[in-house]
Amino acid sequence: CAPDEECAHASLHYFDLPDFMASLQEEDGMGARALEFCILNANRTAEVLDATWNEFDLKEGVWSIPARRMKGRERHTIPLSKQSIALVRQLKELKISEYVFPNRSNGKSLSQAGMSSVLKRMNKIKEWKDIHGKLITVHGFRGCFKTWTTEKTDTDWLTGEMALAHKIKDKSSATYQKGQLIDKRRRLMQTYSDYVYATPVEKVVQLRG
């Protein structure tokens, strides 16, 4: 894995990701949908949990996270795959507050335990572990994405780093790279979503529990 923040978290091998996603789609509840979306877009958990409807432009297929919500304090625009857009559209039909992934009981943003509790529930059925035998973490899916991008695609380093909203440490590259590589990243995220859903599951969004 690349940056230290990814290396410290047990990560599912990308080979197992389609099976994991198929199992995740069988889970009900807002936490499960938040985790699904988080995996699809290789986000940090807080980026997803605090997402609000006004950050999304589904017509253009983008999600723009304001700088104040980003670790690097820079606005991050994510080109959404067809699967991500479909998930958000389904959730919009059930909108109860400004948050895309609300706590259904009070309308506030879902807590940090929202996604991790889903993972714990899934581990009771089947233990999902990394290559070292450690139980995976939610944050580890960013490492999973990075490894898949590096090993299974011809994606250049900069595009992969920008997809993860990593700071460009090379000062020369940072000085001259002003764009966000939206077109390249859109192709990358669509290819990733197609891979993630390689094991098809027909399921309408369920929010019980």
C-alpha atoms as a PDB file:
ATOM      1  CA  CYS A   1       0.000   0.000   0.000  1.00  0.00           C
ATOM      2  CA  ALA A   2       1.043   3.595  -0.466  1.00  0.00           C
ATOM      3  CA  PRO A   3       0.677   6.256   2.283  1.00  0.00           C
ATOM      4  CA  ASP A   4       1.102   5.333   5.930  1.00  0.00           C
ATOM      5  CA  GLU A   5      -2.547   6.099   6.661  1.00  0.00           C
ATOM      6  CA  GLU A   6      -3.575   3.161   4.454  1.00  0.00           C
ATOM      7  CA  CYS A   7      -0.860   0.753   5.614  1.00  0.00           C
ATOM      8  CA  ALA A   8      -1.968   0.746   9.251  1.00  0.00           C
ATOM      9  CA  HIS A   9      -5.420  -0.650   8.475  1.00  0.00           C
ATOM     10  CA  ALA A  10      -6.181  -4.295   7.703  1.00  0.00           C
ATOM     11  CA  SER A  11      -7.327  -4.392   4.103  1.00  0.00           C
ATOM     12  CA  LEU A  12      -9.378  -6.960   2.213  1.00  0.00           C
ATOM     13  CA  HIS A  13      -7.579  -8.339  -0.835  1.00  0.00           C
ATOM     14  CA  TYR A  14      -9.251  -7.011  -3.974  1.00  0.00           C
ATOM     15  CA  PHE A  15      -9.728 -10.590  -5.179  1.00  0.00           C
ATOM     16  CA  ASP A  16     -12.322 -11.047  -2.400  1.00  0.00           C
ATOM     17  CA  LEU A  17     -14.028  -7.701  -2.939  1.00  0.00           C
ATOM     18  CA  PRO A  18     -16.829  -8.804  -5.323  1.00  0.00           C
ATOM     19  CA  ASP A  19     -17.890 -11.542  -2.880  1.00  0.00           C
ATOM     20  CA  PHE A  20     -17.749  -9.111   0.010  1.00  0.00           C
ATOM     21  CA  MET A  21     -19.873  -6.589  -1.851  1.00  0.00           C
ATOM     22  CA  ALA A  22     -22.437  -9.250  -2.715  1.00  0.00           C
ATOM     23  CA  SER A  23     -22.708 -10.091   1.000  1.00  0.00           C
ATOM     24  CA  LEU A  24     -22.881  -6.408   1.923  1.00  0.00           C
ATOM     25  CA  GLN A  25     -25.785  -5.850  -0.451  1.00  0.00           C
ATOM     26  CA  GLU A  26     -27.728  -8.442   1.525  1.00  0.00           C
ATOM     27  CA  GLU A  27     -27.376  -6.301   4.658  1.00  0.00           C
ATOM     28  CA  ASP A  28     -30.192  -3.893   5.486  1.00  0.00           C
ATOM     29  CA  GLY A  29     -29.880  -0.486   7.100  1.00  0.00           C
ATOM     30  CA  MET A  30     -28.371   2.925   6.444  1.00  0.00           C
ATOM     31  CA  GLY A  31     -24.987   1.841   7.789  1.00  0.00           C
ATOM     32  CA  ALA A  32     -24.764  -0.862   5.120  1.00  0.00           C
ATOM     33  CA  ARG A  33     -25.594   1.603   2.354  1.00  0.00           C
ATOM     34  CA  ALA A  34     -23.041   4.080   3.714  1.00  0.00           C
ATOM     35  CA  LEU A  35     -20.365   1.372   3.734  1.00  0.00           C
ATOM     36  CA  GLU A  36     -21.295   0.345   0.191  1.00  0.00           C
ATOM     37  CA  PHE A  37     -20.950   3.929  -1.015  1.00  0.00           C
ATOM     38  CA  CYS A  38     -17.719   4.404   0.929  1.00  0.00           C
ATOM     39  CA  ILE A  39     -16.180   1.371  -0.768  1.00  0.00           C
ATOM     40  CA  LEU A  40     -17.341   2.436  -4.217  1.00  0.00           C
ATOM     41  CA  ASN A  41     -15.650   5.822  -3.924  1.00  0.00           C
ATOM     42  CA  ALA A  42     -12.643   4.882  -1.764  1.00  0.00           C
ATOM     43  CA  ASN A  43     -13.553   7.511   0.818  1.00  0.00           C
ATOM     44  CA  ARG A  44     -12.546   8.194   4.368  1.00  0.00           C
ATOM     45  CA  THR A  45     -15.500   7.386   6.614  1.00  0.00           C
ATOM     46  CA  ALA A  46     -16.209  10.963   7.747  1.00  0.00           C
ATOM     47  CA  GLU A  47     -16.489  12.126   4.138  1.00  0.00           C
ATOM     48  CA  VAL A  48     -19.416   9.767   3.643  1.00  0.00           C
ATOM     49  CA  LEU A  49     -21.062  10.036   7.052  1.00  0.00           C
ATOM     50  CA  ASP A  50     -21.368  13.840   6.881  1.00  0.00           C
ATOM     51  CA  ALA A  51     -22.314  14.023   3.184  1.00  0.00           C
ATOM     52  CA  THR A  52     -25.240  16.375   2.503  1.00  0.00           C
ATOM     53  CA  TRP A  53     -27.551  16.517  -0.489  1.00  0.00           C
ATOM     54  CA  ASN A  54     -26.335  19.920  -1.639  1.00  0.00           C
ATOM     55  CA  GLU A  55     -22.891  18.425  -2.327  1.00  0.00           C
ATOM     56  CA  PHE A  56     -24.269  16.247  -5.138  1.00  0.00           C
ATOM     57  CA  ASP A  57     -24.977  17.072  -8.762  1.00  0.00           C
ATOM     58  CA  LEU A  58     -26.453  13.858 -10.080  1.00  0.00           C
ATOM     59  CA  LYS A  59     -27.099  15.347 -13.513  1.00  0.00           C
ATOM     60  CA  GLU A  60     -23.378  15.960 -13.925  1.00  0.00           C
ATOM     61  CA  GLY A  61     -22.543  12.853 -11.933  1.00  0.00           C
ATOM     62  CA  VAL A  62     -20.256  14.507  -9.399  1.00  0.00           C
ATOM     63  CA  TRP A  63     -19.961  14.824  -5.635  1.00  0.00           C
ATOM     64  CA  SER A  64     -18.088  17.910  -4.413  1.00  0.00           C
ATOM     65  CA  ILE A  65     -16.893  17.717  -0.829  1.00  0.00           C
ATOM     66  CA  PRO A  66     -16.084  21.165   0.626  1.00  0.00           C
ATOM     67  CA  ALA A  67     -12.581  21.865   1.896  1.00  0.00           C
ATOM     68  CA  ARG A  68     -13.720  22.121   5.525  1.00  0.00           C
ATOM     69  CA  ARG A  69     -14.729  18.439   5.438  1.00  0.00           C
ATOM     70  CA  MET A  70     -11.547  17.149   3.850  1.00  0.00           C
ATOM     71  CA  LYS A  71      -8.449  16.003   5.734  1.00  0.00           C
ATOM     72  CA  GLY A  72      -6.236  18.034   3.408  1.00  0.00           C
ATOM     73  CA  ARG A  73      -8.511  21.097   3.672  1.00  0.00           C
ATOM     74  CA  GLU A  74      -8.928  21.239  -0.114  1.00  0.00           C
ATOM     75  CA  ARG A  75     -12.190  20.830  -2.022  1.00  0.00           C
ATOM     76  CA  HIS A  76     -12.458  17.325  -3.472  1.00  0.00           C
ATOM     77  CA  THR A  77     -14.689  16.588  -6.452  1.00  0.00           C
ATOM     78  CA  ILE A  78     -15.493  12.926  -7.063  1.00  0.00           C
ATOM     79  CA  PRO A  79     -16.783  11.707 -10.439  1.00  0.00           C
ATOM     80  CA  LEU A  80     -19.485   9.170  -9.621  1.00  0.00           C
ATOM     81  CA  SER A  81     -19.897   5.826 -11.333  1.00  0.00           C
ATOM     82  CA  LYS A  82     -23.287   4.733 -12.656  1.00  0.00           C
ATOM     83  CA  GLN A  83     -23.652   2.435  -9.651  1.00  0.00           C
ATOM     84  CA  SER A  84     -22.903   5.246  -7.189  1.00  0.00           C
ATOM     85  CA  ILE A  85     -25.443   7.516  -8.866  1.00  0.00           C
ATOM     86  CA  ALA A  86     -28.082   4.772  -8.778  1.00  0.00           C
ATOM     87  CA  LEU A  87     -27.493   4.224  -5.057  1.00  0.00           C
ATOM     88  CA  VAL A  88     -27.773   7.938  -4.275  1.00  0.00           C
ATOM     89  CA  ARG A  89     -30.958   8.230  -6.346  1.00  0.00           C
ATOM     90  CA  GLN A  90     -32.533   5.372  -4.404  1.00  0.00           C
ATOM     91  CA  LEU A  91     -31.605   7.008  -1.121  1.00  0.00           C
ATOM     92  CA  LYS A  92     -33.011  10.333  -2.283  1.00  0.00           C
ATOM     93  CA  GLU A  93     -36.450   8.736  -2.571  1.00  0.00           C
ATOM     94  CA  LEU A  94     -36.221   8.077   1.180  1.00  0.00           C
ATOM     95  CA  LYS A  95     -34.797  11.491   2.121  1.00  0.00           C
ATOM     96  CA  ILE A  96     -35.584  12.574   5.688  1.00  0.00           C
ATOM     97  CA  SER A  97     -32.947  15.253   6.357  1.00  0.00           C
ATOM     98  CA  GLU A  98     -30.072  17.189   4.827  1.00  0.00           C
ATOM     99  CA  TYR A  99     -27.806  14.164   5.256  1.00  0.00           C
ATOM    100  CA  VAL A 100     -27.527  11.505   2.577  1.00  0.00           C
ATOM    101  CA  PHE A 101     -26.821   8.823   5.192  1.00  0.00           C
ATOM    102  CA  PRO A 102     -28.811   9.890   8.256  1.00  0.00           C
ATOM    103  CA  ASN A 103     -29.584   8.173  11.492  1.00  0.00           C
ATOM    104  CA  ARG A 104     -33.166   7.172  10.725  1.00  0.00           C
ATOM    105  CA  SER A 105     -34.286   7.840  14.286  1.00  0.00           C
ATOM    106  CA  ASN A 106     -33.276  11.509  14.503  1.00  0.00           C
ATOM    107  CA  GLY A 107     -32.211  12.669  11.024  1.00  0.00           C
ATOM    108  CA  LYS A 108     -28.696  13.578  12.169  1.00  0.00           C
ATOM    109  CA  SER A 109     -25.597  12.264  10.420  1.00  0.00           C
ATOM    110  CA  LEU A 110     -24.816   8.600  10.952  1.00  0.00           C
ATOM    111  CA  SER A 111     -22.279   7.946  13.711  1.00  0.00           C
ATOM    112  CA  GLN A 112     -18.802   6.483  13.219  1.00  0.00           C
ATOM    113  CA  ALA A 113     -20.170   3.188  14.516  1.00  0.00           C
ATOM    114  CA  GLY A 114     -22.623   3.043  11.624  1.00  0.00           C
ATOM    115  CA  MET A 115     -20.283   1.332   9.182  1.00  0.00           C
ATOM    116  CA  SER A 116     -18.099  -0.584  11.643  1.00  0.00           C
ATOM    117  CA  SER A 117     -21.161  -2.198  13.213  1.00  0.00           C
ATOM    118  CA  VAL A 118     -22.157  -3.536   9.791  1.00  0.00           C
ATOM    119  CA  LEU A 119     -18.695  -5.037   9.374  1.00  0.00           C
ATOM    120  CA  LYS A 120     -18.888  -6.643  12.813  1.00  0.00           C
ATOM    121  CA  ARG A 121     -22.293  -8.099  11.954  1.00  0.00           C
ATOM    122  CA  MET A 122     -20.961  -9.514   8.707  1.00  0.00           C
ATOM    123  CA  ASN A 123     -17.949 -11.032  10.483  1.00  0.00           C
ATOM    124  CA  LYS A 124     -20.292 -13.094  12.644  1.00  0.00           C
ATOM    125  CA  ILE A 125     -21.490 -14.828   9.494  1.00  0.00           C
ATOM    126  CA  LYS A 126     -18.114 -15.055   7.780  1.00  0.00           C
ATOM    127  CA  GLU A 127     -14.825 -13.610   8.959  1.00  0.00           C
ATOM    128  CA  TRP A 128     -13.400 -11.225   6.382  1.00  0.00           C
ATOM    129  CA  LYS A 129      -9.628 -11.021   6.837  1.00  0.00           C
ATOM    130  CA  ASP A 130      -6.573  -9.522   5.171  1.00  0.00           C
ATOM    131  CA  ILE A 131      -3.699 -11.612   3.797  1.00  0.00           C
ATOM    132  CA  HIS A 132      -2.164 -11.751   7.287  1.00  0.00           C
ATOM    133  CA  GLY A 133      -5.292 -13.164   8.890  1.00  0.00           C
ATOM    134  CA  LYS A 134      -6.391  -9.945  10.584  1.00  0.00           C
ATOM    135  CA  LEU A 135     -10.024  -8.853  10.516  1.00  0.00           C
ATOM    136  CA  ILE A 136     -10.424  -6.046   7.996  1.00  0.00           C
ATOM    137  CA  THR A 137     -11.363  -2.469   8.839  1.00  0.00           C
ATOM    138  CA  VAL A 138     -13.581   0.024   7.063  1.00  0.00           C
ATOM    139  CA  HIS A 139     -10.646   2.334   6.349  1.00  0.00           C
ATOM    140  CA  GLY A 140      -8.771  -0.606   4.869  1.00  0.00           C
ATOM    141  CA  PHE A 141     -10.955  -0.488   1.770  1.00  0.00           C
ATOM    142  CA  ARG A 142      -8.954   2.543   0.647  1.00  0.00           C
ATOM    143  CA  GLY A 143      -5.877   0.343   0.628  1.00  0.00           C
ATOM    144  CA  CYS A 144      -7.847  -2.298  -1.239  1.00  0.00           C
ATOM    145  CA  PHE A 145      -8.695   0.267  -3.912  1.00  0.00           C
ATOM    146  CA  LYS A 146      -5.085   1.443  -4.147  1.00  0.00           C
ATOM    147  CA  THR A 147      -3.757  -2.095  -4.536  1.00  0.00           C
ATOM    148  CA  TRP A 148      -6.358  -2.950  -7.181  1.00  0.00           C
ATOM    149  CA  THR A 149      -5.581   0.261  -9.067  1.00  0.00           C
ATOM    150  CA  THR A 150      -1.848  -0.476  -9.033  1.00  0.00           C
ATOM    151  CA  GLU A 151      -1.993  -4.174  -9.854  1.00  0.00           C
ATOM    152  CA  LYS A 152      -4.985  -4.471 -12.168  1.00  0.00           C
ATOM    153  CA  THR A 153      -5.078  -1.224 -14.148  1.00  0.00           C
ATOM    154  CA  ASP A 154      -2.730   1.005 -16.125  1.00  0.00           C
ATOM    155  CA  THR A 155      -3.770   4.032 -14.071  1.00  0.00           C
ATOM    156  CA  ASP A 156      -0.955   6.522 -13.664  1.00  0.00           C
ATOM    157  CA  TRP A 157       0.273   7.320 -10.163  1.00  0.00           C
ATOM    158  CA  LEU A 158      -1.136  10.857 -10.056  1.00  0.00           C
ATOM    159  CA  THR A 159      -4.660   9.817 -11.041  1.00  0.00           C
ATOM    160  CA  GLY A 160      -4.670   7.122  -8.374  1.00  0.00           C
ATOM    161  CA  GLU A 161      -3.464   9.537  -5.726  1.00  0.00           C
ATOM    162  CA  MET A 162      -6.047  12.160  -6.649  1.00  0.00           C
ATOM    163  CA  ALA A 163      -8.813   9.563  -6.503  1.00  0.00           C
ATOM    164  CA  LEU A 164      -7.833   9.008  -2.863  1.00  0.00           C
ATOM    165  CA  ALA A 165      -7.561  12.763  -2.198  1.00  0.00           C
ATOM    166  CA  HIS A 166      -3.942  12.405  -1.189  1.00  0.00           C
ATOM    167  CA  LYS A 167      -1.761  15.469  -0.941  1.00  0.00           C
ATOM    168  CA  ILE A 168       0.804  15.644  -3.753  1.00  0.00           C
ATOM    169  CA  LYS A 169       4.073  15.674  -1.816  1.00  0.00           C
ATOM    170  CA  ASP A 170       6.280  16.323  -4.833  1.00  0.00           C
ATOM    171  CA  LYS A 171       6.472  20.130  -4.893  1.00  0.00           C
ATOM    172  CA  SER A 172       7.165  20.309  -8.614  1.00  0.00           C
ATOM    173  CA  SER A 173       4.135  18.165  -9.480  1.00  0.00           C
ATOM    174  CA  ALA A 174       1.955  20.075  -7.035  1.00  0.00           C
ATOM    175  CA  THR A 175       2.959  23.397  -8.562  1.00  0.00           C
ATOM    176  CA  TYR A 176       2.049  22.509 -12.124  1.00  0.00           C
ATOM    177  CA  GLN A 177      -0.867  20.135 -11.537  1.00  0.00           C
ATOM    178  CA  LYS A 178      -3.905  22.382 -11.143  1.00  0.00           C
ATOM    179  CA  GLY A 179      -6.634  20.212 -12.651  1.00  0.00           C
ATOM    180  CA  GLN A 180      -8.513  17.371 -10.959  1.00  0.00           C
ATOM    181  CA  LEU A 181      -8.236  14.799 -13.764  1.00  0.00           C
ATOM    182  CA  ILE A 182     -12.001  14.310 -13.676  1.00  0.00           C
ATOM    183  CA  ASP A 183     -12.258  12.433 -16.986  1.00  0.00           C
ATOM    184  CA  LYS A 184      -9.462  10.009 -16.097  1.00  0.00           C
ATOM    185  CA  ARG A 185     -10.847   9.481 -12.634  1.00  0.00           C
ATOM    186  CA  ARG A 186     -14.377   8.952 -13.952  1.00  0.00           C
ATOM    187  CA  ARG A 187     -13.129   6.117 -16.141  1.00  0.00           C
ATOM    188  CA  LEU A 188     -11.199   4.681 -13.200  1.00  0.00           C
ATOM    189  CA  MET A 189     -14.142   4.790 -10.787  1.00  0.00           C
ATOM    190  CA  GLN A 190     -16.485   3.256 -13.353  1.00  0.00           C
ATOM    191  CA  THR A 191     -14.061   0.405 -14.001  1.00  0.00           C
ATOM    192  CA  TYR A 192     -13.714  -0.094 -10.250  1.00  0.00           C
ATOM    193  CA  SER A 193     -17.478  -0.141  -9.696  1.00  0.00           C
ATOM    194  CA  ASP A 194     -17.892  -2.679 -12.491  1.00  0.00           C
ATOM    195  CA  TYR A 195     -15.264  -4.852 -10.808  1.00  0.00           C
ATOM    196  CA  VAL A 196     -16.752  -4.425  -7.338  1.00  0.00           C
ATOM    197  CA  TYR A 197     -20.140  -5.613  -8.581  1.00  0.00           C
ATOM    198  CA  ALA A 198     -18.689  -8.516 -10.574  1.00  0.00           C
ATOM    199  CA  THR A 199     -20.922 -10.825  -8.536  1.00  0.00           C
ATOM    200  CA  PRO A 200     -24.386  -9.474  -9.450  1.00  0.00           C
ATOM    201  CA  VAL A 201     -27.051  -9.109  -6.773  1.00  0.00           C
ATOM    202  CA  GLU A 202     -30.491  -7.715  -7.548  1.00  0.00           C
ATOM    203  CA  LYS A 203     -31.496  -5.701  -4.502  1.00  0.00           C
ATOM    204  CA  VAL A 204     -33.593  -2.637  -3.754  1.00  0.00           C
ATOM    205  CA  VAL A 205     -32.262  -0.386  -0.985  1.00  0.00           C
ATOM    206  CA  GLN A 206     -33.477  -1.575   2.412  1.00  0.00           C
ATOM    207  CA  LEU A 207     -33.101   0.559   5.519  1.00  0.00           C
ATOM    208  CA  ARG A 208     -34.441  -1.587   8.336  1.00  0.00           C
ATOM    209  CA  GLY A 209     -32.265  -1.797  11.397  1.00  0.00           C
END
